[in-house]
Amino acid sequence: MQSNSRTSERGGGRSTGGSGPASVLSVLRSLVGAGTWVSPASSWRTFGFGSTAVDASTALLGRLFGVRDLALGQAVRHESADVRRAALRVGVLCDSMDVVASVLALRRGAPRASGVLVGGGAAFFAALGGLALKAERSTTRPG
């Protein structure tokens, strides 16, 4: 990516590559999202929902989830600090609500393995997003 004064004005001149919580989150979220969009049936099994046949409606829901994660994962790498922070905030909100949804599902009799796996993964993503937000604030100060 080319660094110039326009990039510096919009994004604080920060590189979107490298390591750290945001990069790890971007890669993981993008992989989960792309994988779920490409193969909802494989993701269904990976998330602990068993070998239940994935019909068109289930595949649709999987792809809706998948594209959300793919978009959020890529937005975390945007050159603009404002876009990165917004993507991280939205991701933490979505992941937190996914944890709540997992708890509700478990209370209604969902398979324990799937509830724990999905809820645990969402909690991990929410925590990683929080760490990334904290790091983002410390590296993109006005001035």
N, C-alpha and C. Protein backbone atom coordinates (compact mmCIF):
# COMPACT_ATOMS: atom_id res chain seq x y z
N MET A 1 0.84 -1.16 0.00
CA MET A 1 0.00 0.00 0.00
C MET A 1 0.89 1.23 0.00
N GLN A 2 0.55 2.21 -0.81
CA GLN A 2 1.35 3.40 -0.93
C GLN A 2 0.96 4.38 0.16
N SER A 3 1.93 4.96 0.82
CA SER A 3 1.67 5.93 1.87
C SER A 3 1.86 7.32 1.30
N ASN A 4 0.85 8.17 1.46
CA ASN A 4 0.96 9.54 1.02
C ASN A 4 0.18 10.43 1.98
N SER A 5 0.16 11.75 1.73
CA SER A 5 -0.50 12.65 2.66
C SER A 5 -2.00 12.39 2.74
N ARG A 6 -2.63 12.00 1.64
CA ARG A 6 -4.06 11.69 1.66
C ARG A 6 -4.33 10.49 2.56
N THR A 7 -3.51 9.44 2.47
CA THR A 7 -3.66 8.28 3.34
C THR A 7 -3.47 8.70 4.79
N SER A 8 -2.48 9.57 5.04
CA SER A 8 -2.23 10.01 6.40
C SER A 8 -3.41 10.78 6.97
N GLU A 9 -4.04 11.62 6.16
CA GLU A 9 -5.19 12.39 6.64
C GLU A 9 -6.35 11.48 6.99
N ARG A 10 -6.62 10.47 6.16
CA ARG A 10 -7.78 9.62 6.38
C ARG A 10 -7.52 8.53 7.40
N GLY A 11 -6.34 7.96 7.40
CA GLY A 11 -6.13 6.79 8.23
C GLY A 11 -5.03 6.92 9.25
N GLY A 12 -4.51 8.13 9.41
CA GLY A 12 -3.47 8.29 10.38
C GLY A 12 -2.14 7.72 9.89
N GLY A 13 -2.07 7.33 8.61
CA GLY A 13 -0.85 6.80 8.04
C GLY A 13 -0.49 5.42 8.55
N ARG A 14 -1.39 4.77 9.23
CA ARG A 14 -1.12 3.47 9.82
C ARG A 14 -1.21 2.39 8.76
N SER A 15 -0.26 1.50 8.76
CA SER A 15 -0.30 0.35 7.87
C SER A 15 -1.40 -0.59 8.34
N THR A 16 -2.11 -1.21 7.40
CA THR A 16 -3.16 -2.15 7.77
C THR A 16 -2.65 -3.58 7.79
N GLY A 17 -1.38 -3.76 7.52
CA GLY A 17 -0.81 -5.11 7.59
C GLY A 17 -0.23 -5.36 8.96
N GLY A 18 0.72 -6.26 9.05
CA GLY A 18 1.41 -6.50 10.30
C GLY A 18 0.71 -7.51 11.18
N SER A 19 1.09 -7.46 12.45
CA SER A 19 0.54 -8.41 13.40
C SER A 19 -0.29 -7.68 14.43
N GLY A 20 -0.74 -8.40 15.41
CA GLY A 20 -1.55 -7.81 16.45
C GLY A 20 -2.97 -8.31 16.39
N PRO A 21 -3.76 -7.92 17.39
CA PRO A 21 -5.13 -8.43 17.49
C PRO A 21 -5.99 -8.15 16.25
N ALA A 22 -5.87 -6.96 15.67
CA ALA A 22 -6.70 -6.63 14.50
C ALA A 22 -6.36 -7.53 13.31
N SER A 23 -5.08 -7.79 13.10
CA SER A 23 -4.68 -8.64 11.98
C SER A 23 -5.13 -10.08 12.19
N VAL A 24 -4.98 -10.57 13.41
CA VAL A 24 -5.42 -11.94 13.72
C VAL A 24 -6.93 -12.03 13.53
N LEU A 25 -7.65 -11.05 14.06
CA LEU A 25 -9.11 -11.03 13.93
C LEU A 25 -9.53 -10.96 12.46
N SER A 26 -8.86 -10.13 11.68
CA SER A 26 -9.19 -10.00 10.26
C SER A 26 -9.04 -11.32 9.53
N VAL A 27 -7.93 -11.99 9.76
CA VAL A 27 -7.68 -13.27 9.08
C VAL A 27 -8.69 -14.32 9.52
N LEU A 28 -8.87 -14.48 10.83
CA LEU A 28 -9.79 -15.51 11.32
C LEU A 28 -11.23 -15.25 10.88
N ARG A 29 -11.68 -14.00 11.04
CA ARG A 29 -13.06 -13.67 10.67
C ARG A 29 -13.27 -13.84 9.17
N SER A 30 -12.30 -13.44 8.38
CA SER A 30 -12.42 -13.58 6.92
C SER A 30 -12.45 -15.05 6.51
N LEU A 31 -11.61 -15.88 7.14
CA LEU A 31 -11.61 -17.31 6.82
C LEU A 31 -12.93 -17.97 7.22
N VAL A 32 -13.41 -17.67 8.41
CA VAL A 32 -14.69 -18.24 8.86
C VAL A 32 -15.81 -17.79 7.92
N GLY A 33 -15.83 -16.50 7.60
CA GLY A 33 -16.88 -15.97 6.73
C GLY A 33 -16.85 -16.55 5.34
N ALA A 34 -15.67 -16.58 4.73
CA ALA A 34 -15.56 -17.12 3.38
C ALA A 34 -15.89 -18.61 3.36
N GLY A 35 -15.38 -19.33 4.34
CA GLY A 35 -15.66 -20.77 4.40
C GLY A 35 -17.13 -21.07 4.56
N THR A 36 -17.79 -20.28 5.40
CA THR A 36 -19.23 -20.48 5.61
C THR A 36 -20.02 -20.12 4.37
N TRP A 37 -19.61 -19.08 3.67
CA TRP A 37 -20.33 -18.69 2.46
C TRP A 37 -20.15 -19.74 1.37
N VAL A 38 -18.93 -20.23 1.21
CA VAL A 38 -18.63 -21.20 0.15
C VAL A 38 -19.27 -22.56 0.44
N SER A 39 -19.19 -23.00 1.70
CA SER A 39 -19.70 -24.33 2.02
C SER A 39 -20.47 -24.32 3.35
N PRO A 40 -21.73 -23.89 3.30
CA PRO A 40 -22.52 -23.86 4.53
C PRO A 40 -22.61 -25.23 5.21
N ALA A 41 -22.66 -26.31 4.45
CA ALA A 41 -22.79 -27.64 5.05
C ALA A 41 -21.54 -28.00 5.87
N SER A 42 -20.36 -27.69 5.35
CA SER A 42 -19.13 -27.96 6.10
C SER A 42 -19.08 -27.14 7.37
N SER A 43 -19.47 -25.88 7.27
CA SER A 43 -19.48 -25.02 8.44
C SER A 43 -20.49 -25.50 9.47
N TRP A 44 -21.63 -25.97 9.00
CA TRP A 44 -22.67 -26.51 9.89
C TRP A 44 -22.08 -27.60 10.78
N ARG A 45 -21.32 -28.50 10.15
CA ARG A 45 -20.67 -29.59 10.91
C ARG A 45 -19.56 -29.05 11.80
N THR A 46 -18.75 -28.13 11.29
CA THR A 46 -17.64 -27.56 12.06
C THR A 46 -18.13 -26.88 13.33
N PHE A 47 -19.26 -26.19 13.24
CA PHE A 47 -19.80 -25.47 14.39
C PHE A 47 -20.56 -26.38 15.35
N GLY A 48 -20.52 -27.68 15.09
CA GLY A 48 -21.08 -28.62 16.04
C GLY A 48 -22.55 -28.91 15.91
N PHE A 49 -23.13 -28.57 14.76
CA PHE A 49 -24.56 -28.82 14.57
C PHE A 49 -24.83 -30.22 14.02
N GLY A 50 -23.81 -31.02 13.88
CA GLY A 50 -23.99 -32.40 13.45
C GLY A 50 -24.08 -32.56 11.95
N SER A 51 -24.54 -33.73 11.57
CA SER A 51 -24.60 -34.05 10.15
C SER A 51 -25.98 -33.80 9.57
N THR A 52 -26.74 -32.94 10.24
CA THR A 52 -28.06 -32.58 9.74
C THR A 52 -27.95 -32.09 8.31
N ALA A 53 -28.84 -32.54 7.48
CA ALA A 53 -28.83 -32.10 6.08
C ALA A 53 -29.05 -30.59 6.02
N VAL A 54 -28.25 -29.93 5.23
CA VAL A 54 -28.38 -28.49 5.07
C VAL A 54 -29.26 -28.24 3.86
N ASP A 55 -30.47 -27.75 4.12
CA ASP A 55 -31.37 -27.44 3.01
C ASP A 55 -31.12 -26.01 2.53
N ALA A 56 -31.90 -25.56 1.59
CA ALA A 56 -31.70 -24.23 1.00
C ALA A 56 -31.84 -23.12 2.03
N SER A 57 -32.77 -23.26 2.97
CA SER A 57 -32.97 -22.22 3.99
C SER A 57 -31.79 -22.15 4.95
N THR A 58 -31.30 -23.30 5.35
CA THR A 58 -30.15 -23.35 6.25
C THR A 58 -28.91 -22.80 5.55
N ALA A 59 -28.74 -23.14 4.29
CA ALA A 59 -27.60 -22.61 3.51
C ALA A 59 -27.70 -21.09 3.40
N LEU A 60 -28.90 -20.57 3.21
CA LEU A 60 -29.10 -19.12 3.13
C LEU A 60 -28.66 -18.46 4.43
N LEU A 61 -29.10 -18.98 5.56
CA LEU A 61 -28.71 -18.41 6.85
C LEU A 61 -27.19 -18.48 7.05
N GLY A 62 -26.60 -19.59 6.67
CA GLY A 62 -25.15 -19.72 6.77
C GLY A 62 -24.43 -18.68 5.93
N ARG A 63 -24.92 -18.47 4.73
CA ARG A 63 -24.27 -17.49 3.84
C ARG A 63 -24.48 -16.07 4.33
N LEU A 64 -25.63 -15.78 4.94
CA LEU A 64 -25.84 -14.45 5.53
C LEU A 64 -24.83 -14.20 6.65
N PHE A 65 -24.64 -15.19 7.49
CA PHE A 65 -23.63 -15.10 8.55
C PHE A 65 -22.24 -14.98 7.94
N GLY A 66 -21.96 -15.79 6.93
CA GLY A 66 -20.63 -15.82 6.33
C GLY A 66 -20.22 -14.50 5.72
N VAL A 67 -21.12 -13.89 4.98
CA VAL A 67 -20.75 -12.63 4.31
C VAL A 67 -20.58 -11.51 5.35
N ARG A 68 -21.34 -11.57 6.43
CA ARG A 68 -21.17 -10.59 7.52
C ARG A 68 -19.74 -10.68 8.06
N ASP A 69 -19.30 -11.89 8.37
CA ASP A 69 -17.96 -12.04 8.93
C ASP A 69 -16.88 -11.69 7.91
N LEU A 70 -17.08 -12.06 6.67
CA LEU A 70 -16.11 -11.72 5.64
C LEU A 70 -15.98 -10.20 5.49
N ALA A 71 -17.10 -9.50 5.44
CA ALA A 71 -17.07 -8.04 5.30
C ALA A 71 -16.42 -7.37 6.51
N LEU A 72 -16.79 -7.82 7.71
CA LEU A 72 -16.19 -7.24 8.92
C LEU A 72 -14.69 -7.53 8.98
N GLY A 73 -14.31 -8.73 8.59
CA GLY A 73 -12.89 -9.08 8.60
C GLY A 73 -12.07 -8.22 7.66
N GLN A 74 -12.62 -7.93 6.51
CA GLN A 74 -11.90 -7.09 5.55
C GLN A 74 -11.92 -5.61 5.94
N ALA A 75 -13.01 -5.15 6.55
CA ALA A 75 -13.11 -3.74 6.96
C ALA A 75 -12.08 -3.40 8.03
N VAL A 76 -11.70 -4.38 8.84
CA VAL A 76 -10.69 -4.16 9.88
C VAL A 76 -9.33 -3.82 9.26
N ARG A 77 -9.15 -4.13 8.00
CA ARG A 77 -7.88 -3.85 7.31
C ARG A 77 -7.94 -2.57 6.46
N HIS A 78 -9.03 -1.85 6.53
CA HIS A 78 -9.20 -0.64 5.72
C HIS A 78 -8.15 0.40 6.07
N GLU A 79 -7.79 1.23 5.09
CA GLU A 79 -6.77 2.26 5.34
C GLU A 79 -7.24 3.36 6.27
N SER A 80 -8.54 3.58 6.36
CA SER A 80 -9.07 4.64 7.22
C SER A 80 -9.23 4.15 8.66
N ALA A 81 -8.65 4.89 9.59
CA ALA A 81 -8.78 4.54 11.01
C ALA A 81 -10.24 4.59 11.45
N ASP A 82 -11.00 5.52 10.90
CA ASP A 82 -12.43 5.61 11.26
C ASP A 82 -13.19 4.35 10.84
N VAL A 83 -12.90 3.86 9.65
CA VAL A 83 -13.55 2.64 9.16
C VAL A 83 -13.11 1.44 9.99
N ARG A 84 -11.82 1.36 10.30
CA ARG A 84 -11.33 0.24 11.12
C ARG A 84 -12.02 0.22 12.48
N ARG A 85 -12.08 1.39 13.13
CA ARG A 85 -12.71 1.45 14.46
C ARG A 85 -14.19 1.10 14.38
N ALA A 86 -14.88 1.60 13.37
CA ALA A 86 -16.30 1.28 13.22
C ALA A 86 -16.50 -0.22 13.00
N ALA A 87 -15.66 -0.83 12.17
CA ALA A 87 -15.77 -2.27 11.92
C ALA A 87 -15.50 -3.06 13.19
N LEU A 88 -14.53 -2.63 13.97
CA LEU A 88 -14.24 -3.32 15.23
C LEU A 88 -15.40 -3.19 16.21
N ARG A 89 -15.98 -2.00 16.30
CA ARG A 89 -17.13 -1.80 17.20
C ARG A 89 -18.33 -2.66 16.79
N VAL A 90 -18.63 -2.65 15.50
CA VAL A 90 -19.76 -3.45 15.00
C VAL A 90 -19.48 -4.94 15.22
N GLY A 91 -18.25 -5.36 14.99
CA GLY A 91 -17.89 -6.75 15.21
C GLY A 91 -18.06 -7.17 16.66
N VAL A 92 -17.62 -6.32 17.60
CA VAL A 92 -17.76 -6.63 19.02
C VAL A 92 -19.25 -6.72 19.38
N LEU A 93 -20.05 -5.82 18.84
CA LEU A 93 -21.50 -5.86 19.10
C LEU A 93 -22.11 -7.15 18.55
N CYS A 94 -21.81 -7.48 17.30
CA CYS A 94 -22.35 -8.72 16.69
C CYS A 94 -21.90 -9.95 17.47
N ASP A 95 -20.64 -9.99 17.82
CA ASP A 95 -20.12 -11.15 18.55
C ASP A 95 -20.75 -11.27 19.93
N SER A 96 -20.95 -10.14 20.60
CA SER A 96 -21.60 -10.15 21.91
C SER A 96 -23.03 -10.66 21.80
N MET A 97 -23.73 -10.23 20.78
CA MET A 97 -25.10 -10.71 20.57
C MET A 97 -25.12 -12.18 20.17
N ASP A 98 -24.08 -12.65 19.49
CA ASP A 98 -23.96 -14.08 19.17
C ASP A 98 -23.79 -14.90 20.44
N VAL A 99 -23.08 -14.36 21.42
CA VAL A 99 -22.93 -15.04 22.71
C VAL A 99 -24.30 -15.16 23.38
N VAL A 100 -25.04 -14.05 23.39
CA VAL A 100 -26.39 -14.05 23.98
C VAL A 100 -27.28 -15.06 23.25
N ALA A 101 -27.22 -15.06 21.92
CA ALA A 101 -28.02 -16.01 21.14
C ALA A 101 -27.65 -17.45 21.47
N SER A 102 -26.38 -17.70 21.68
CA SER A 102 -25.94 -19.06 22.03
C SER A 102 -26.48 -19.48 23.39
N VAL A 103 -26.47 -18.57 24.36
CA VAL A 103 -27.02 -18.87 25.68
C VAL A 103 -28.51 -19.16 25.58
N LEU A 104 -29.22 -18.32 24.83
CA LEU A 104 -30.66 -18.53 24.65
C LEU A 104 -30.94 -19.88 23.98
N ALA A 105 -30.13 -20.23 22.98
CA ALA A 105 -30.31 -21.50 22.29
C ALA A 105 -30.07 -22.68 23.24
N LEU A 106 -29.04 -22.57 24.06
CA LEU A 106 -28.76 -23.64 25.02
C LEU A 106 -29.91 -23.80 26.01
N ARG A 107 -30.47 -22.68 26.44
CA ARG A 107 -31.61 -22.74 27.37
C ARG A 107 -32.84 -23.39 26.74
N ARG A 108 -32.93 -23.31 25.41
CA ARG A 108 -34.09 -23.89 24.71
C ARG A 108 -33.80 -25.29 24.19
N GLY A 109 -32.68 -25.86 24.60
CA GLY A 109 -32.41 -27.25 24.25
C GLY A 109 -31.48 -27.50 23.08
N ALA A 110 -30.78 -26.48 22.61
CA ALA A 110 -29.82 -26.69 21.51
C ALA A 110 -28.74 -27.66 21.98
N PRO A 111 -28.14 -28.39 21.06
CA PRO A 111 -27.05 -29.29 21.44
C PRO A 111 -25.95 -28.51 22.18
N ARG A 112 -25.55 -29.05 23.31
CA ARG A 112 -24.55 -28.36 24.16
C ARG A 112 -23.26 -28.06 23.39
N ALA A 113 -22.79 -29.02 22.62
CA ALA A 113 -21.52 -28.82 21.89
C ALA A 113 -21.62 -27.62 20.95
N SER A 114 -22.72 -27.50 20.22
CA SER A 114 -22.84 -26.39 19.27
C SER A 114 -22.98 -25.06 20.00
N GLY A 115 -23.76 -25.03 21.07
CA GLY A 115 -23.92 -23.78 21.83
C GLY A 115 -22.62 -23.30 22.42
N VAL A 116 -21.87 -24.23 22.98
CA VAL A 116 -20.59 -23.88 23.60
C VAL A 116 -19.57 -23.49 22.53
N LEU A 117 -19.53 -24.22 21.43
CA LEU A 117 -18.59 -23.93 20.36
C LEU A 117 -18.87 -22.57 19.71
N VAL A 118 -20.12 -22.33 19.35
CA VAL A 118 -20.48 -21.06 18.71
C VAL A 118 -20.34 -19.91 19.71
N GLY A 119 -20.88 -20.09 20.90
CA GLY A 119 -20.80 -19.03 21.92
C GLY A 119 -19.36 -18.74 22.32
N GLY A 120 -18.57 -19.80 22.47
CA GLY A 120 -17.16 -19.62 22.81
C GLY A 120 -16.38 -18.92 21.72
N GLY A 121 -16.65 -19.30 20.48
CA GLY A 121 -15.99 -18.63 19.35
C GLY A 121 -16.37 -17.16 19.27
N ALA A 122 -17.64 -16.87 19.50
CA ALA A 122 -18.10 -15.48 19.48
C ALA A 122 -17.47 -14.69 20.62
N ALA A 123 -17.37 -15.30 21.79
CA ALA A 123 -16.74 -14.62 22.93
C ALA A 123 -15.27 -14.34 22.63
N PHE A 124 -14.59 -15.30 22.00
CA PHE A 124 -13.19 -15.11 21.61
C PHE A 124 -13.06 -13.94 20.63
N PHE A 125 -13.93 -13.91 19.60
CA PHE A 125 -13.89 -12.82 18.63
C PHE A 125 -14.20 -11.48 19.29
N ALA A 126 -15.16 -11.45 20.22
CA ALA A 126 -15.49 -10.20 20.92
C ALA A 126 -14.30 -9.71 21.73
N ALA A 127 -13.63 -10.62 22.43
CA ALA A 127 -12.46 -10.24 23.22
C ALA A 127 -11.32 -9.75 22.32
N LEU A 128 -11.09 -10.46 21.23
CA LEU A 128 -10.05 -10.06 20.29
C LEU A 128 -10.38 -8.69 19.69
N GLY A 129 -11.65 -8.47 19.38
CA GLY A 129 -12.08 -7.17 18.86
C GLY A 129 -11.86 -6.06 19.88
N GLY A 130 -12.15 -6.34 21.14
CA GLY A 130 -11.90 -5.36 22.19
C GLY A 130 -10.43 -5.01 22.31
N LEU A 131 -9.57 -6.03 22.26
CA LEU A 131 -8.13 -5.79 22.29
C LEU A 131 -7.68 -4.98 21.08
N ALA A 132 -8.23 -5.30 19.91
CA ALA A 132 -7.88 -4.57 18.69
C ALA A 132 -8.33 -3.12 18.77
N LEU A 133 -9.51 -2.87 19.35
CA LEU A 133 -9.98 -1.49 19.53
C LEU A 133 -9.04 -0.71 20.44
N LYS A 134 -8.63 -1.34 21.53
CA LYS A 134 -7.71 -0.70 22.46
C LYS A 134 -6.40 -0.36 21.76
N ALA A 135 -5.86 -1.29 20.99
CA ALA A 135 -4.63 -1.06 20.25
C ALA A 135 -4.82 0.03 19.20
N GLU A 136 -5.98 0.02 18.54
CA GLU A 136 -6.27 1.02 17.51
C GLU A 136 -6.30 2.42 18.11
N ARG A 137 -6.88 2.56 19.27
CA ARG A 137 -6.94 3.87 19.94
C ARG A 137 -5.55 4.37 20.31
N SER A 138 -4.67 3.46 20.70
CA SER A 138 -3.35 3.88 21.13
C SER A 138 -2.43 4.20 19.96
N THR A 139 -2.75 3.72 18.75
CA THR A 139 -1.87 3.96 17.61
C THR A 139 -2.39 5.03 16.65
N THR A 140 -3.63 5.46 16.81
CA THR A 140 -4.18 6.47 15.89
C THR A 140 -4.69 7.66 16.68
N ARG A 141 -3.75 8.45 17.12
CA ARG A 141 -4.11 9.66 17.86
C ARG A 141 -4.06 10.84 16.89
N PRO A 142 -4.98 11.80 17.04
CA PRO A 142 -4.95 12.99 16.18
C PRO A 142 -3.66 13.77 16.37
N GLY A 143 -3.24 14.41 15.30
CA GLY A 143 -2.06 15.24 15.49
C GLY A 143 -1.32 15.32 14.26
